[in-house]
Protein backbone atom coordinates (compact mmCIF):
# COMPACT_ATOMS: atom_id res chain seq x y z
CA UNK A 1 0.03 0.01 -0.23
CA UNK A 2 2.95 2.56 0.88
CA UNK A 3 4.39 1.83 -3.00
CA UNK A 4 0.78 2.97 -4.29
CA UNK A 5 0.70 6.38 -2.20
CA UNK A 6 4.10 6.71 -2.86
CA UNK A 7 3.89 6.88 -6.60
CA UNK A 8 0.58 9.21 -5.96
CA UNK A 9 2.81 11.79 -4.04
CA UNK A 10 5.67 11.47 -6.70
CA UNK A 11 3.42 12.12 -9.68
CA UNK A 12 1.90 15.14 -7.64
CA UNK A 13 5.33 16.73 -6.71
CA UNK A 14 6.64 16.21 -10.15
CA UNK A 15 3.71 17.75 -11.63
CA UNK A 16 4.07 20.91 -9.39
CA UNK A 17 0.43 20.19 -8.02
CA UNK A 18 0.54 20.83 -4.58
CA UNK A 19 -3.15 19.99 -3.80
CA UNK A 20 -2.56 16.76 -5.24
CA UNK A 21 0.20 16.23 -3.15
CA UNK A 22 -1.54 17.12 -0.11
CA UNK A 23 -4.61 14.63 -0.83
CA UNK A 24 -2.16 11.71 -1.47
CA UNK A 25 -1.26 12.16 2.08
CA UNK A 26 -4.38 12.55 3.81
CA UNK A 27 -5.77 9.63 1.77
CA UNK A 28 -2.53 7.62 3.06
CA UNK A 29 -3.36 8.46 6.53
CA UNK A 30 -6.81 7.89 6.43
CA UNK A 31 -6.40 4.42 4.84
CA UNK A 32 -4.38 3.23 7.76
CA UNK A 33 -0.65 4.19 7.05
CA UNK A 34 0.86 5.46 10.28
CA UNK A 35 2.32 9.03 10.45
CA UNK A 36 5.92 7.62 10.68
CA UNK A 37 5.54 5.71 7.51
CA UNK A 38 3.85 8.51 5.60
CA UNK A 39 6.29 10.93 6.80
CA UNK A 40 9.50 8.78 6.05
CA UNK A 41 8.48 6.23 3.39
CA UNK A 42 6.47 8.58 1.19
CA UNK A 43 7.51 12.28 1.59
CA UNK A 44 11.32 11.37 2.70
CA UNK A 45 11.32 8.83 -0.04
CA UNK A 46 10.01 11.16 -2.57
CA UNK A 47 12.34 13.79 -1.73
CA UNK A 48 15.13 11.53 -2.36
CA UNK A 49 13.97 10.40 -5.45
CA UNK A 50 13.84 14.05 -6.22
CA UNK A 51 17.33 14.59 -5.74
CA UNK A 52 18.71 11.35 -7.68
CA UNK A 53 16.70 12.62 -10.74
CA UNK A 54 18.02 16.08 -10.57
CA UNK A 55 21.49 14.31 -10.68
CA UNK A 56 20.91 12.10 -13.46
CA UNK A 57 19.47 15.53 -15.35
CA UNK A 58 15.76 14.35 -15.46
CA UNK A 59 14.63 17.28 -13.13
CA UNK A 60 15.63 20.81 -13.77
CA UNK A 61 16.65 22.66 -10.91
CA UNK A 62 13.41 24.65 -11.03
CA UNK A 63 11.66 21.35 -11.12
CA UNK A 64 13.85 19.94 -8.22
CA UNK A 65 12.90 23.36 -6.37
CA UNK A 66 9.25 23.36 -6.69
CA UNK A 67 9.03 19.69 -5.75
CA UNK A 68 10.84 20.45 -2.39
CA UNK A 69 8.84 23.30 -1.63
CA UNK A 70 5.46 21.06 -2.20
CA UNK A 71 6.91 18.32 0.00
CA UNK A 72 7.99 21.19 2.65
CA UNK A 73 4.03 22.29 2.47
CA UNK A 74 3.05 18.68 2.93
CA UNK A 75 5.03 18.14 5.94
CA UNK A 76 3.05 21.21 7.49
CA UNK A 77 0.06 19.70 6.67
CA UNK A 78 0.62 16.63 8.16
CA UNK A 79 1.32 18.04 11.57
CA UNK A 80 -1.87 19.97 11.41
CA UNK A 81 -4.11 16.50 11.20
CA UNK A 82 -1.91 14.70 13.59
CA UNK A 83 -3.48 14.15 17.22
CA UNK A 84 -1.23 16.05 19.82
CA UNK A 85 0.54 13.09 21.53
CA UNK A 86 -0.09 12.45 24.94
CA UNK A 87 3.35 11.12 26.09
CA UNK A 88 6.20 13.50 26.80
CA UNK A 89 9.61 12.00 26.60
CA UNK A 90 11.76 14.95 26.62
CA UNK A 91 12.81 18.12 24.69
CA UNK A 92 14.83 18.30 21.66
CA UNK A 93 16.56 21.20 19.46
CA UNK A 94 16.61 20.21 15.74
CA UNK A 95 18.98 22.45 13.68
CA UNK A 96 20.81 22.56 10.59
CA UNK A 97 24.69 23.81 10.77
CA UNK A 98 25.32 27.44 9.86
CA UNK A 99 25.63 27.59 5.96
CA UNK A 100 23.26 24.52 5.51
CA UNK A 101 20.08 25.04 3.36
CA UNK A 102 18.93 21.58 2.85
CA UNK A 103 16.62 21.79 5.70
CA UNK A 104 14.10 18.63 4.91
CA UNK A 105 15.99 15.86 6.46
CA UNK A 106 16.23 17.84 9.73
CA UNK A 107 12.54 18.92 9.30
CA UNK A 108 11.63 15.07 8.57
CA UNK A 109 13.25 14.19 11.89
CA UNK A 110 11.59 17.26 13.58
CA UNK A 111 8.35 15.77 12.72
CA UNK A 112 9.18 12.18 13.76
CA UNK A 113 10.05 13.09 16.91
CA UNK A 114 6.81 14.93 17.57
CA UNK A 115 4.95 11.71 16.48
CA UNK A 116 7.01 9.83 19.01
CA UNK A 117 6.13 12.09 21.98
CA UNK A 118 8.70 14.72 21.97
CA UNK A 119 8.70 18.54 22.29
CA UNK A 120 10.63 19.61 19.62
CA UNK A 121 12.03 22.92 19.07
CA UNK A 122 12.58 23.23 15.19
CA UNK A 123 15.01 25.91 14.51
CA UNK A 124 15.33 25.50 10.58
CA UNK A 125 18.12 25.88 8.19
CA UNK A 126 21.45 27.71 8.59
CA UNK A 127 21.55 28.03 12.56
CA UNK A 128 24.65 30.11 13.56
CA UNK A 129 26.06 28.27 16.28
CA UNK A 130 25.83 31.29 18.95
CA UNK A 131 22.11 31.62 18.19
CA UNK A 132 21.63 27.89 18.78
CA UNK A 133 23.90 28.25 22.11
CA UNK A 134 21.73 31.02 23.22
CA UNK A 135 18.71 28.81 22.44
CA UNK A 136 20.07 26.13 24.67
CA UNK A 137 20.76 28.53 27.65
CA UNK A 138 17.32 29.82 27.38
CA UNK A 139 15.33 26.46 27.16
CA UNK A 140 17.55 23.60 28.34
CA UNK A 141 16.89 20.91 25.93
CA UNK A 142 17.80 17.36 26.69
CA UNK A 143 19.85 17.12 23.19
CA UNK A 144 20.61 19.05 20.12
CA UNK A 145 19.87 16.92 16.87
CA UNK A 146 21.97 18.54 14.12
CA UNK A 147 21.77 18.19 10.64
CA UNK A 148 24.10 18.72 7.30
CA UNK A 149 23.97 17.54 3.87
CA UNK A 150 27.06 19.06 2.45
CA UNK A 151 30.61 18.18 3.35
CA UNK A 152 31.62 21.56 3.01
CA UNK A 153 29.68 22.45 6.09
CA UNK A 154 31.57 20.15 8.52
CA UNK A 155 34.41 22.72 9.97
CA UNK A 156 30.87 24.88 10.76
CA UNK A 157 29.66 21.64 12.35
CA UNK A 158 32.80 21.13 14.22
CA UNK A 159 32.39 24.61 15.91
CA UNK A 160 28.69 24.05 16.41
CA UNK A 161 29.46 20.47 18.17
CA UNK A 162 31.92 21.99 20.28
CA UNK A 163 29.96 24.86 21.31
CA UNK A 164 27.03 22.81 22.22
CA UNK A 165 28.91 20.49 24.30
CA UNK A 166 30.60 23.29 26.29
CA UNK A 167 26.98 24.16 26.92
CA UNK A 168 26.90 20.85 28.66
CA UNK A 169 24.20 19.73 25.91
CA UNK A 170 24.60 16.29 24.12
CA UNK A 171 24.59 16.53 20.09
CA UNK A 172 23.23 13.89 17.97
CA UNK A 173 24.29 14.53 14.29
CA UNK A 174 23.02 13.03 10.97
CA UNK A 175 22.74 13.89 7.29
CA UNK A 176 25.23 12.92 4.33
CA UNK A 177 27.65 15.52 5.28
CA UNK A 178 28.98 12.88 8.24
CA UNK A 179 29.91 10.17 5.85
CA UNK A 180 27.72 7.03 5.40
CA UNK A 181 29.26 5.35 8.30
CA UNK A 182 29.45 8.49 10.42
CA UNK A 183 32.97 8.71 10.34
CA UNK A 184 33.08 12.53 10.74
CA UNK A 185 30.45 12.68 13.39
CA UNK A 186 32.88 10.80 15.65
CA UNK A 187 36.16 12.72 14.36
CA UNK A 188 34.25 16.24 15.24
CA UNK A 189 33.14 14.97 18.81
CA UNK A 190 29.36 14.31 18.39
CA UNK A 191 27.91 12.48 20.96
CA UNK A 192 25.80 10.12 18.57
CA UNK A 193 25.30 9.56 15.04
CA UNK A 194 22.45 8.30 13.09
CA UNK A 195 22.09 7.22 9.62
CA UNK A 196 18.42 8.21 9.17
CA UNK A 197 15.44 9.66 11.24
CA UNK A 198 14.20 6.59 12.56
CA UNK A 199 17.57 5.82 14.11
CA UNK A 200 18.17 9.01 15.46
CA UNK A 201 14.63 8.86 17.17
CA UNK A 202 15.51 5.51 18.51
CA UNK A 203 18.55 6.73 20.21
CA UNK A 204 17.03 9.62 21.85
CA UNK A 205 14.68 7.46 23.40
CA UNK A 206 17.07 7.03 26.01
CA UNK A 207 18.78 10.17 27.25
CA UNK A 208 22.28 10.97 25.85
CA UNK A 209 24.85 11.54 28.61
CA UNK A 210 25.64 14.94 29.48
CA UNK A 211 29.17 16.03 27.80
CA UNK A 212 32.14 15.99 30.26
CA UNK A 213 34.36 19.25 30.56
CA UNK A 214 37.96 18.95 29.44
CA UNK A 215 38.59 17.31 26.21
CA UNK A 216 38.10 19.49 23.03
CA UNK A 217 37.43 17.90 19.67
CA UNK A 218 40.37 19.85 18.21
CA UNK A 219 42.50 17.29 20.16
CA UNK A 220 41.52 14.68 17.54
CA UNK A 221 42.77 16.72 14.59
CA UNK A 222 46.51 16.98 14.84
CA UNK A 223 46.89 17.31 10.94
CA UNK A 224 45.47 20.82 11.20
CA UNK A 225 48.97 21.83 12.57
CA UNK A 226 50.38 22.03 9.06
CA UNK A 227 48.38 24.79 8.01
CA UNK A 228 47.22 23.67 4.72
CA UNK A 229 43.78 23.97 5.45
CA UNK A 230 43.85 27.25 6.74
CA UNK A 231 45.92 28.32 3.77
CA UNK A 232 43.87 26.59 1.20
CA UNK A 233 40.70 28.06 2.42
CA UNK A 234 41.92 31.50 3.14
CA UNK A 235 43.23 31.95 -0.40
CA UNK A 236 40.47 30.10 -2.16
CA UNK A 237 39.34 32.89 -4.39
CA UNK A 238 43.07 33.65 -5.74
CA UNK A 239 43.18 29.71 -6.49
CA UNK A 240 40.07 29.69 -8.53
CA UNK A 241 41.22 32.77 -10.43
CA UNK A 242 44.62 31.05 -11.13
CA UNK A 243 43.22 27.81 -12.37
CA UNK A 244 40.72 29.49 -14.30
CA UNK A 245 42.98 31.76 -16.18
CA UNK A 246 45.49 28.60 -16.73
CA UNK A 247 42.29 26.79 -17.96
CA UNK A 248 41.93 29.35 -20.84
CA UNK A 249 45.56 28.03 -22.18
CA UNK A 250 44.80 24.55 -21.81
CA UNK A 251 41.57 24.74 -23.03
CA UNK A 252 41.35 27.25 -25.77
CA UNK A 253 37.44 26.77 -26.41
CA UNK A 254 36.93 28.36 -22.52
CA UNK A 255 38.10 31.80 -24.35
CA UNK A 256 34.89 31.81 -26.35
CA UNK A 257 32.64 31.09 -23.30
CA UNK A 258 29.88 33.77 -22.41
CA UNK A 259 29.99 35.35 -19.11
CA UNK A 260 27.32 33.01 -17.81
CA UNK A 261 29.44 30.05 -18.90
CA UNK A 262 32.42 31.59 -17.38
CA UNK A 263 30.62 32.09 -14.01
CA UNK A 264 29.38 28.40 -14.14
CA UNK A 265 32.75 27.48 -14.73
CA UNK A 266 34.42 29.25 -11.73
CA UNK A 267 31.54 28.38 -9.76
CA UNK A 268 32.61 24.49 -10.42
CA UNK A 269 36.26 25.71 -9.50
CA UNK A 270 35.12 27.00 -6.36
CA UNK A 271 33.46 23.68 -4.98
CA UNK A 272 36.75 21.76 -6.06
CA UNK A 273 38.71 24.28 -4.10
CA UNK A 274 35.82 24.01 -1.20
CA UNK A 275 36.03 20.38 -1.28
CA UNK A 276 39.83 20.18 -0.96
CA UNK A 277 39.74 22.41 2.05
CA UNK A 278 37.51 20.39 3.98
CA UNK A 279 39.14 16.92 2.98
CA UNK A 280 42.20 18.69 4.55
CA UNK A 281 40.25 19.70 7.57
CA UNK A 282 39.17 16.11 8.34
CA UNK A 283 42.17 14.37 6.90
CA UNK A 284 40.28 12.34 4.60
CA UNK A 285 41.57 12.28 0.74
CA UNK A 286 38.52 10.25 -0.11
CA UNK A 287 35.99 12.73 0.68
CA UNK A 288 37.69 14.85 -2.24
CA UNK A 289 38.11 11.78 -4.46
CA UNK A 290 34.60 10.71 -4.45
CA UNK A 291 33.36 14.64 -4.93
CA UNK A 292 35.49 14.72 -8.05
CA UNK A 293 34.18 11.57 -9.04
CA UNK A 294 30.26 12.67 -8.58
CA UNK A 295 31.20 15.83 -10.34
CA UNK A 296 32.45 13.92 -13.09
CA UNK A 297 29.36 11.83 -13.44
CA UNK A 298 27.24 15.08 -12.95
CA UNK A 299 28.69 17.07 -15.94
CA UNK A 300 28.47 13.85 -18.07
CA UNK A 301 24.66 13.39 -17.42
CA UNK A 302 24.38 17.10 -18.57
CA UNK A 303 26.52 16.63 -21.81
CA UNK A 304 29.17 19.34 -20.46
CA UNK A 305 32.87 17.96 -21.31
CA UNK A 306 34.22 16.66 -17.93
CA UNK A 307 37.57 16.36 -19.50
CA UNK A 308 38.41 19.94 -18.46
CA UNK A 309 38.70 18.45 -14.79
CA UNK A 310 41.85 16.76 -15.26
CA UNK A 311 43.97 19.90 -16.25
CA UNK A 312 42.11 22.12 -13.54
CA UNK A 313 43.65 19.61 -11.14
CA UNK A 314 46.84 19.79 -12.75
CA UNK A 315 46.59 23.51 -12.44
CA UNK A 316 45.46 23.51 -8.74
CA UNK A 317 48.23 21.10 -7.74
CA UNK A 318 50.80 23.35 -9.56
CA UNK A 319 49.64 26.19 -7.59
CA UNK A 320 49.73 24.07 -4.38
CA UNK A 321 53.51 23.03 -4.87
CA UNK A 322 54.20 23.16 -1.38
CA UNK A 323 51.44 21.57 -0.04
CA UNK A 324 52.25 17.73 0.25
CA UNK A 325 48.91 16.60 1.63
CA UNK A 326 46.89 18.45 -1.14
CA UNK A 327 49.03 17.21 -3.72
CA UNK A 328 48.33 13.75 -2.43
CA UNK A 329 44.55 14.34 -2.36
CA UNK A 330 44.73 16.01 -6.03
CA UNK A 331 46.88 13.02 -7.45
CA UNK A 332 44.29 10.38 -5.78
CA UNK A 333 41.30 12.22 -7.37
CA UNK A 334 42.98 12.70 -11.02
CA UNK A 335 43.24 8.94 -10.92
CA UNK A 336 39.55 8.16 -10.08
CA UNK A 337 38.46 10.94 -12.36
CA UNK A 338 40.40 9.66 -15.38
CA UNK A 339 38.84 6.16 -14.56
CA UNK A 340 35.11 7.68 -14.47
CA UNK A 341 35.92 9.60 -18.00
CA UNK A 342 37.37 6.48 -19.42
CA UNK A 343 34.51 3.96 -18.36
């Protein structure tokens, strides 16, 4: 039965029909599907498919945004038709890391926690650490649930985790940014990690222990002492300009690009530098390699020549000739991109 209503919701959001989407959810609840199933196996699953279809170039950016907006309004509608839970299992603050605007995973978790009887303070997307900590001091929740989808938000997540734990509030994290196995959650000092909303709610069913004072997550990142992360992140704009200028010599067709095409190329280069920086931050070259492989696949799906990634990496390596960790990560990513392009 879930598959039937999933398909109806999928058809509605891709057609941009908010009313049909709301009707599909109301009918699913009326047919006996429990709220958590509707939230996660209908709305959440449809949202994941939206992302996959965008990546495969079967949905435009505008269609992806419209579908997400409809799903967000559907979530608001679900909350209005559900009975208020009688059980009160504690208070949880749910927020996205500063700079993280993919709020749907956090919103889904907030709704699941409400269904399970928690009092939830849903703070939304892009919550700066000082504002989150101020909220903790004012309300005293039992835990913070922190969401991040983009790995480039990991340094901000680290700062937020550290600030929350300094305020004696345990932190559970989730989202693609923390890795499929939660490796970055542990590295950055989170008290718990969950791969999805059900698992997070299960973990929060038992109170997380309050953090102990003393140890700081920074103690677990000794590789930052080489300053490569700081220098790459602080000179990112200059690196992008230098690589773009070099590409004009390596790939003459770029000289004929329109201003819009040049802007998109510069944005792509900025993402590459940003992912290199965060990979240096967490000390994991695989993060950079996987991002470059994904980028090559995305460009190929959009019939954009992905071959320019290789000279771009070569030029970036030359700019970072005094940075051994950066060069090793670039070398590994270059091999992976070459394999993707030749497959």
